[in-house]
């Protein structure tokens, strides 16, 4: 299953009009959204096969591609 976020990630990575900083900023937004959805899914009866884990892996790989550091995880992070 291809999710909307997976398509957004692909679009950002392939956009030649964006600088690396702009790509990292947009990818960070997706990462934040995906972590929030993943957290909500873990705290409710939402579908576990929703694709958010895959989205998080995809966005992390894209961020790694641009040399972006991992976001520090706090107590509220997964």
Protein backbone atom coordinates (compact mmCIF):
# COMPACT_ATOMS: atom_id res chain seq x y z
CA UNK A 1 0.00 0.00 0.00
CA UNK A 2 1.39 3.40 -0.98
CA UNK A 3 0.42 6.07 1.50
CA UNK A 4 -0.07 9.79 0.92
CA UNK A 5 3.05 10.52 2.98
CA UNK A 6 5.11 8.10 0.88
CA UNK A 7 4.05 10.03 -2.22
CA UNK A 8 4.89 13.35 -0.52
CA UNK A 9 8.34 12.07 0.45
CA UNK A 10 9.04 10.94 -3.12
CA UNK A 11 7.83 14.27 -4.51
CA UNK A 12 10.06 16.26 -2.13
CA UNK A 13 13.16 14.15 -2.85
CA UNK A 14 12.66 14.45 -6.60
CA UNK A 15 11.89 18.20 -6.61
CA UNK A 16 14.89 19.85 -8.24
CA UNK A 17 13.55 23.30 -7.41
CA UNK A 18 13.97 22.83 -3.66
CA UNK A 19 17.23 23.39 -1.83
CA UNK A 20 18.50 20.71 0.52
CA UNK A 21 17.47 22.87 3.50
CA UNK A 22 13.94 23.21 2.12
CA UNK A 23 13.74 19.46 1.52
CA UNK A 24 14.95 18.71 5.06
CA UNK A 25 12.42 21.18 6.50
CA UNK A 26 9.52 19.59 4.61
CA UNK A 27 10.69 16.08 5.43
CA UNK A 28 10.94 17.02 9.14
CA UNK A 29 7.29 18.14 9.02
CA UNK A 30 6.30 14.75 7.62
CA UNK A 31 8.42 13.01 10.26
CA UNK A 32 6.70 14.96 13.04
CA UNK A 33 3.23 14.20 11.63
CA UNK A 34 4.07 10.53 11.18
CA UNK A 35 5.40 10.19 14.74
CA UNK A 36 2.21 11.80 16.08
CA UNK A 37 0.03 9.41 14.07
CA UNK A 38 2.14 6.45 15.16
CA UNK A 39 1.80 7.53 18.79
CA UNK A 40 -1.98 7.93 18.41
CA UNK A 41 -2.21 4.47 16.85
CA UNK A 42 -0.31 2.92 19.73
CA UNK A 43 -2.70 4.50 22.25
CA UNK A 44 -5.96 3.61 20.53
CA UNK A 45 -7.64 0.79 18.64
CA UNK A 46 -6.50 2.22 15.29
CA UNK A 47 -5.40 -0.17 12.57
CA UNK A 48 -1.84 -1.36 13.24
CA UNK A 49 -1.25 -2.02 9.52
CA UNK A 50 -1.76 1.62 8.63
CA UNK A 51 1.61 2.21 6.94
CA UNK A 52 2.90 4.80 9.42
CA UNK A 53 5.84 2.64 10.41
CA UNK A 54 6.82 2.38 6.75
CA UNK A 55 6.35 6.13 6.31
CA UNK A 56 8.63 6.81 9.27
CA UNK A 57 11.32 4.55 7.81
CA UNK A 58 10.97 6.23 4.39
CA UNK A 59 11.20 9.76 5.75
CA UNK A 60 14.16 8.82 7.94
CA UNK A 61 15.99 7.37 4.92
CA UNK A 62 15.30 10.54 2.94
CA UNK A 63 16.57 12.71 5.81
CA UNK A 64 19.68 10.53 6.11
CA UNK A 65 20.26 11.02 2.39
CA UNK A 66 20.60 14.77 3.04
CA UNK A 67 22.75 14.32 6.14
CA UNK A 68 20.07 15.50 8.56
CA UNK A 69 20.62 14.48 12.17
CA UNK A 70 18.12 12.31 13.98
CA UNK A 71 15.58 14.19 16.05
CA UNK A 72 16.22 13.69 19.74
CA UNK A 73 13.57 11.53 21.28
CA UNK A 74 12.10 12.63 24.58
CA UNK A 75 9.91 10.82 27.05
CA UNK A 76 6.85 11.36 24.86
CA UNK A 77 8.51 9.92 21.74
CA UNK A 78 8.34 6.40 20.44
